[in-house]
N, C-alpha and C. Protein backbone atom coordinates (compact mmCIF):
# COMPACT_ATOMS: atom_id res chain seq x y z
N UNK A 1 102.94 104.80 129.29
CA UNK A 1 102.62 104.58 127.96
C UNK A 1 103.28 105.25 126.93
N UNK A 2 103.61 104.62 126.02
CA UNK A 2 104.32 105.63 124.80
C UNK A 2 102.76 105.98 124.19
N UNK A 3 103.11 107.28 123.55
CA UNK A 3 101.97 107.72 122.68
C UNK A 3 102.59 107.75 121.30
N UNK A 4 101.77 106.87 120.48
CA UNK A 4 101.80 106.70 119.06
C UNK A 4 101.16 107.60 117.87
N UNK A 5 102.11 108.09 116.87
CA UNK A 5 101.55 108.48 115.82
C UNK A 5 101.68 108.05 114.69
N UNK A 6 100.66 107.58 113.74
CA UNK A 6 100.90 107.10 112.61
C UNK A 6 101.14 108.16 111.33
N UNK A 7 101.68 107.88 110.08
CA UNK A 7 101.36 108.66 109.04
C UNK A 7 101.97 107.91 107.72
N UNK A 8 101.42 108.12 106.84
CA UNK A 8 101.94 107.65 105.36
C UNK A 8 101.06 106.99 104.57
N UNK A 9 99.80 106.66 105.30
CA UNK A 9 98.65 106.07 104.40
C UNK A 9 98.33 106.74 103.37
N UNK A 10 97.38 106.39 102.46
CA UNK A 10 97.07 107.10 101.33
C UNK A 10 96.26 106.00 100.04
N UNK A 11 96.27 106.80 99.01
CA UNK A 11 95.54 105.91 98.10
C UNK A 11 96.66 105.20 97.04
N UNK A 12 96.73 104.03 96.57
CA UNK A 12 97.52 103.61 95.75
C UNK A 12 97.28 102.43 94.62
N UNK A 13 97.67 102.29 93.58
CA UNK A 13 97.14 101.38 92.74
C UNK A 13 97.78 100.25 93.08
N UNK A 14 96.88 98.90 92.63
CA UNK A 14 97.28 97.41 92.99
C UNK A 14 98.83 97.48 92.32
N UNK A 15 99.74 96.82 93.35
CA UNK A 15 101.05 96.45 92.63
C UNK A 15 101.81 97.82 93.14
N UNK A 16 101.48 98.70 93.77
CA UNK A 16 102.41 99.66 94.17
C UNK A 16 102.78 99.53 95.41
N UNK A 17 103.39 100.72 96.08
CA UNK A 17 104.07 100.86 97.14
C UNK A 17 103.67 101.74 98.21
N UNK A 18 103.81 101.81 99.53
CA UNK A 18 103.74 102.82 100.32
C UNK A 18 104.43 102.38 101.60
N UNK A 19 104.88 103.38 102.46
CA UNK A 19 105.70 103.27 103.69
C UNK A 19 104.85 103.99 104.80
N UNK A 20 104.52 103.21 105.75
CA UNK A 20 104.07 104.05 106.96
C UNK A 20 104.97 104.31 108.00
N UNK A 21 104.80 105.23 108.72
CA UNK A 21 105.68 105.77 109.95
C UNK A 21 104.65 105.49 111.09
N UNK A 22 105.46 105.24 111.98
CA UNK A 22 104.55 105.08 113.57
C UNK A 22 105.92 105.99 114.87
N UNK A 23 105.64 106.89 114.90
CA UNK A 23 106.62 107.82 115.91
C UNK A 23 105.89 107.62 117.35
N UNK A 24 106.92 107.21 118.22
CA UNK A 24 106.77 106.98 119.41
C UNK A 24 107.29 108.40 120.23
N UNK A 25 106.33 108.48 121.26
CA UNK A 25 106.96 109.58 122.35
C UNK A 25 106.64 108.95 123.76
N UNK A 26 107.50 109.50 124.77
CA UNK A 26 107.25 109.31 126.22
C UNK A 26 107.38 107.65 126.36
N UNK A 27 108.33 106.98 125.97
CA UNK A 27 108.76 105.78 125.91
C UNK A 27 109.33 105.82 127.44
N UNK A 28 109.37 105.06 128.36
CA UNK A 28 109.94 104.83 129.46
C UNK A 28 110.92 104.11 129.62
N UNK A 29 111.50 103.23 128.66
CA UNK A 29 112.50 102.10 128.69
C UNK A 29 112.96 102.12 127.50
N UNK A 30 114.00 101.33 127.45
CA UNK A 30 114.70 100.76 126.06
C UNK A 30 114.09 99.75 125.28
N UNK A 31 113.36 99.05 125.89
CA UNK A 31 112.83 97.83 125.20
C UNK A 31 111.19 98.00 124.99
N UNK A 32 111.00 97.53 123.92
CA UNK A 32 109.64 97.48 123.72
C UNK A 32 109.46 96.44 122.19
N UNK A 33 108.36 96.30 122.01
CA UNK A 33 107.86 95.71 121.03
C UNK A 33 106.54 96.29 120.44
N UNK A 34 106.88 96.68 118.87
CA UNK A 34 105.93 97.27 118.35
C UNK A 34 105.05 96.59 117.05
N UNK A 35 103.69 96.66 116.82
CA UNK A 35 103.17 95.88 115.79
C UNK A 35 102.40 96.59 115.07
N UNK A 36 102.16 96.29 113.56
CA UNK A 36 101.18 96.87 112.84
C UNK A 36 99.99 96.09 112.81
N UNK A 37 98.83 96.87 113.11
CA UNK A 37 97.43 95.69 112.84
C UNK A 37 96.77 96.62 111.99
N UNK A 38 95.95 95.79 111.24
CA UNK A 38 94.89 96.43 110.22
C UNK A 38 93.53 96.22 110.31
N UNK A 39 92.49 96.72 109.96
CA UNK A 39 91.14 96.24 110.48
C UNK A 39 90.57 96.89 109.23
N UNK A 40 89.18 96.07 108.92
CA UNK A 40 88.51 96.34 107.73
C UNK A 40 87.19 96.32 108.33
N UNK A 41 86.48 97.27 108.02
CA UNK A 41 84.91 97.39 108.70
C UNK A 41 84.44 96.00 108.85
N UNK A 42 83.88 95.49 109.90
CA UNK A 42 83.14 94.21 109.92
C UNK A 42 83.84 92.90 110.37
N UNK A 43 84.91 93.42 110.39
CA UNK A 43 86.06 92.23 110.46
C UNK A 43 87.22 92.41 111.79
N UNK A 44 87.65 91.59 112.44
CA UNK A 44 88.51 91.45 113.44
C UNK A 44 89.87 92.11 112.86
N UNK A 45 90.59 92.98 113.89
CA UNK A 45 91.81 93.61 113.53
C UNK A 45 92.70 92.55 113.60
N UNK A 46 93.54 92.70 112.46
CA UNK A 46 94.66 91.56 112.21
C UNK A 46 96.16 92.13 112.61
N UNK A 47 96.83 91.42 113.06
CA UNK A 47 98.10 91.73 113.24
C UNK A 47 99.08 91.17 111.98
N UNK A 48 99.93 92.25 111.20
CA UNK A 48 100.65 91.70 110.27
C UNK A 48 101.90 91.77 110.44
N UNK A 49 102.43 92.89 111.31
CA UNK A 49 103.89 92.54 111.39
C UNK A 49 104.28 93.43 112.74
N UNK A 50 105.52 92.78 113.40
CA UNK A 50 106.12 93.03 114.66
C UNK A 50 107.43 93.06 114.45
N UNK A 51 108.12 94.25 115.26
CA UNK A 51 109.37 94.03 115.51
C UNK A 51 109.70 94.52 116.89
N UNK A 52 110.82 93.96 117.47
CA UNK A 52 111.15 94.29 118.71
C UNK A 52 112.32 95.43 118.82
N UNK A 53 112.58 95.91 119.97
CA UNK A 53 113.45 97.19 119.89
C UNK A 53 114.90 96.70 119.68
N UNK A 54 115.21 95.20 119.68
CA UNK A 54 116.28 94.79 119.08
C UNK A 54 116.44 94.42 117.77
N UNK A 55 115.47 94.28 116.91
CA UNK A 55 115.12 94.16 115.54
C UNK A 55 114.56 92.80 115.30
N UNK A 56 114.21 92.19 115.94
CA UNK A 56 113.80 91.00 115.64
C UNK A 56 112.10 91.06 114.81
N UNK A 57 112.08 90.44 113.76
CA UNK A 57 110.41 90.52 113.07
C UNK A 57 109.93 89.44 112.97
N UNK A 58 108.63 89.89 112.98
CA UNK A 58 107.38 88.72 112.75
C UNK A 58 106.73 89.04 111.80
N UNK A 59 106.14 88.32 110.91
CA UNK A 59 105.13 88.62 109.58
C UNK A 59 103.96 87.72 109.74
N UNK A 60 102.79 88.15 109.51
CA UNK A 60 101.63 87.37 109.14
C UNK A 60 102.01 86.60 107.86
N UNK A 61 101.14 85.45 107.41
CA UNK A 61 101.44 84.77 106.35
C UNK A 61 100.94 85.59 105.05
N UNK A 62 100.04 86.43 105.49
CA UNK A 62 99.23 87.43 104.41
C UNK A 62 100.00 88.47 104.02
N UNK A 63 100.97 88.89 104.51
CA UNK A 63 102.01 89.78 103.94
C UNK A 63 103.53 89.49 103.86
N UNK A 64 104.06 88.22 104.54
CA UNK A 64 105.15 87.84 104.21
C UNK A 64 105.74 88.05 102.80
N UNK A 65 106.76 88.52 102.57
CA UNK A 65 107.57 88.49 101.42
C UNK A 65 107.06 89.93 100.58
N UNK A 66 106.19 90.60 101.03
CA UNK A 66 105.67 92.03 100.73
C UNK A 66 105.95 93.14 101.19
N UNK A 67 105.86 92.85 102.68
CA UNK A 67 105.87 93.99 103.82
C UNK A 67 107.10 93.96 104.40
N UNK A 68 107.61 95.09 104.78
CA UNK A 68 108.89 94.86 105.81
C UNK A 68 108.76 95.72 106.97
N UNK A 69 109.16 95.56 108.38
CA UNK A 69 108.95 96.27 109.19
C UNK A 69 110.12 96.48 109.72
N UNK A 70 110.60 97.77 110.26
CA UNK A 70 111.86 97.98 111.04
C UNK A 70 111.73 99.21 111.81
N UNK A 71 112.90 99.25 112.66
CA UNK A 71 112.81 100.47 113.39
C UNK A 71 114.08 101.15 113.67
N UNK A 72 113.82 102.46 114.00
CA UNK A 72 114.94 103.52 113.97
C UNK A 72 114.77 104.01 115.30
N UNK A 73 115.58 103.42 116.18
CA UNK A 73 115.70 103.96 117.45
C UNK A 73 116.15 105.34 117.80
N UNK A 74 117.04 105.83 117.07
CA UNK A 74 117.47 107.20 117.26
C UNK A 74 116.10 108.16 116.93
N UNK A 75 115.29 107.83 115.92
CA UNK A 75 114.32 108.87 115.64
C UNK A 75 113.01 108.15 116.61
N UNK A 76 112.84 107.03 116.99
CA UNK A 76 111.89 106.41 117.81
C UNK A 76 110.75 106.23 116.89
N UNK A 77 110.95 105.63 115.68
CA UNK A 77 110.17 105.33 114.77
C UNK A 77 110.07 103.80 113.95
N UNK A 78 109.09 103.58 114.06
CA UNK A 78 108.85 102.20 113.45
C UNK A 78 108.19 102.25 111.84
N UNK A 79 108.90 101.78 110.71
CA UNK A 79 108.27 101.90 109.55
C UNK A 79 107.76 100.66 109.11
N UNK A 80 106.63 100.63 108.34
CA UNK A 80 106.35 99.21 107.54
C UNK A 80 106.29 99.55 105.90
N UNK A 81 107.21 99.03 105.19
CA UNK A 81 107.46 99.25 104.02
C UNK A 81 106.44 98.08 103.25
N UNK A 82 105.45 98.52 102.50
CA UNK A 82 104.61 97.89 101.78
C UNK A 82 104.67 97.84 100.22
N UNK A 83 104.93 96.75 99.81
CA UNK A 83 105.43 96.47 98.37
C UNK A 83 104.36 95.48 97.85
N UNK A 84 103.89 95.63 96.65
CA UNK A 84 103.14 94.71 95.78
C UNK A 84 101.91 94.89 96.49
N UNK A 85 101.20 95.95 96.69
CA UNK A 85 99.82 95.91 97.34
C UNK A 85 99.08 95.25 96.54
N UNK A 86 98.05 94.68 97.30
CA UNK A 86 96.82 94.17 96.62
C UNK A 86 95.63 94.96 97.39
N UNK A 87 94.31 94.53 96.75
CA UNK A 87 93.39 95.02 96.80
C UNK A 87 92.87 94.80 98.13
N UNK A 88 93.12 93.29 98.76
CA UNK A 88 92.91 93.20 99.95
C UNK A 88 93.73 93.72 101.33
N UNK A 89 94.76 94.55 100.61
CA UNK A 89 95.28 95.23 101.80
C UNK A 89 94.70 96.30 102.12
N UNK A 90 93.77 96.86 101.46
CA UNK A 90 92.92 98.34 101.85
C UNK A 90 92.44 97.68 103.16
N UNK A 91 92.69 98.82 104.18
CA UNK A 91 92.34 98.73 105.39
C UNK A 91 92.92 99.72 106.35
N UNK A 92 92.41 100.11 107.40
CA UNK A 92 93.10 100.95 108.45
C UNK A 92 94.10 100.29 109.13
N UNK A 93 95.35 101.12 109.26
CA UNK A 93 96.40 100.48 109.74
C UNK A 93 97.01 101.39 111.20
N UNK A 94 97.09 100.17 111.99
CA UNK A 94 97.31 101.10 113.45
C UNK A 94 98.47 100.28 113.84
N UNK A 95 99.61 101.30 114.36
CA UNK A 95 100.61 100.78 114.99
C UNK A 95 100.21 100.56 116.64
N UNK A 96 100.87 99.69 117.41
CA UNK A 96 100.58 99.42 118.73
C UNK A 96 101.75 98.99 119.36
N UNK A 97 102.14 99.11 120.57
CA UNK A 97 103.43 98.84 121.21
C UNK A 97 103.10 98.33 122.51
N UNK A 98 104.05 97.30 123.26
CA UNK A 98 104.31 96.98 124.84
C UNK A 98 105.31 97.12 125.03
N UNK A 99 105.45 97.58 126.20
CA UNK A 99 106.96 98.33 126.74
C UNK A 99 107.75 97.21 127.43
N UNK A 100 107.84 96.24 126.55
CA UNK A 100 108.69 95.07 127.00
C UNK A 100 108.81 94.08 125.68
N UNK A 101 110.19 93.33 125.96
CA UNK A 101 110.48 92.72 124.37
C UNK A 101 109.72 91.23 124.90
N UNK A 102 109.05 90.88 123.86
CA UNK A 102 108.50 89.47 123.66
C UNK A 102 109.31 88.10 123.25
N UNK A 103 109.17 86.94 123.67
CA UNK A 103 109.97 85.97 123.19
C UNK A 103 109.01 85.53 121.95
N UNK A 104 107.78 85.71 121.82
CA UNK A 104 107.01 85.22 120.88
C UNK A 104 106.07 86.54 120.19
N UNK A 105 106.64 87.14 119.33
CA UNK A 105 106.31 88.43 118.70
C UNK A 105 104.97 88.25 118.43
N UNK A 106 104.50 87.32 117.98
CA UNK A 106 102.99 87.18 117.56
C UNK A 106 102.17 87.26 118.67
N UNK A 107 102.35 87.06 119.88
CA UNK A 107 101.46 87.18 120.92
C UNK A 107 101.61 88.78 121.52
N UNK A 108 101.85 89.56 120.78
CA UNK A 108 101.87 90.98 121.22
C UNK A 108 100.42 91.50 121.79
N UNK A 109 100.54 91.90 122.99
CA UNK A 109 99.25 92.63 123.44
C UNK A 109 99.68 94.09 123.79
N UNK A 110 99.37 94.91 122.89
CA UNK A 110 99.56 96.34 123.31
C UNK A 110 99.03 96.99 124.68
N UNK A 111 99.88 97.95 124.90
CA UNK A 111 99.27 98.81 125.97
C UNK A 111 99.12 100.11 125.42
N UNK A 112 99.61 100.75 124.24
CA UNK A 112 99.26 101.65 123.44
C UNK A 112 99.11 101.71 122.29
N UNK A 113 98.20 102.70 121.44
CA UNK A 113 97.53 102.21 120.20
C UNK A 113 97.84 103.75 119.38
N UNK A 114 97.98 103.80 118.15
CA UNK A 114 97.95 104.86 117.39
C UNK A 114 96.54 105.07 116.95
N UNK A 115 96.19 106.42 116.29
CA UNK A 115 95.16 106.60 115.83
C UNK A 115 94.62 105.90 114.59
N UNK A 116 95.47 105.41 113.68
CA UNK A 116 95.23 104.64 112.59
C UNK A 116 95.28 105.57 111.44
N UNK A 117 95.72 104.84 110.17
CA UNK A 117 95.90 105.50 109.10
C UNK A 117 95.38 104.77 107.74
N UNK A 118 94.53 105.23 107.03
CA UNK A 118 94.05 104.55 105.99
C UNK A 118 94.63 104.07 104.80
N UNK A 119 94.74 103.13 104.40
CA UNK A 119 95.46 102.83 103.06
C UNK A 119 94.39 102.13 102.10
N UNK A 120 94.21 102.48 100.96
CA UNK A 120 93.52 102.19 100.20
C UNK A 120 94.42 101.95 98.91
N UNK A 121 93.86 100.57 98.33
CA UNK A 121 94.58 100.30 97.40
C UNK A 121 93.29 100.20 96.04
N UNK A 122 93.49 100.36 95.02
CA UNK A 122 92.79 100.63 93.87
C UNK A 122 93.09 99.84 92.82
N UNK A 123 92.30 99.04 91.71
CA UNK A 123 92.61 98.48 90.91
C UNK A 123 92.72 99.21 89.73
């Protein structure tokens, strides 16, 4: 299983932007599906964006049009560009990965998780 490390979280004003990074090590193959989840205390973890190793993407309705997920296979890094941030985007963001390409990216069941990075959006 890959080891995943997130970075890029922080405090930003509403309407601002942040870019999260998820760097993977220890991948055993060239095919994978990586997703970004977020969690607020007391609520279920929410899948917000997914990218396959070939570059196909999926977004939840809550972030579609504002967030962009991408991957750089040479750097083993997946990015989440977050624009137009809203107060309700405040959460701990986790990247997670499965070592295969899924037909339906929204059905991601990860085998590896990062430690999470806090994103706080202020008014």
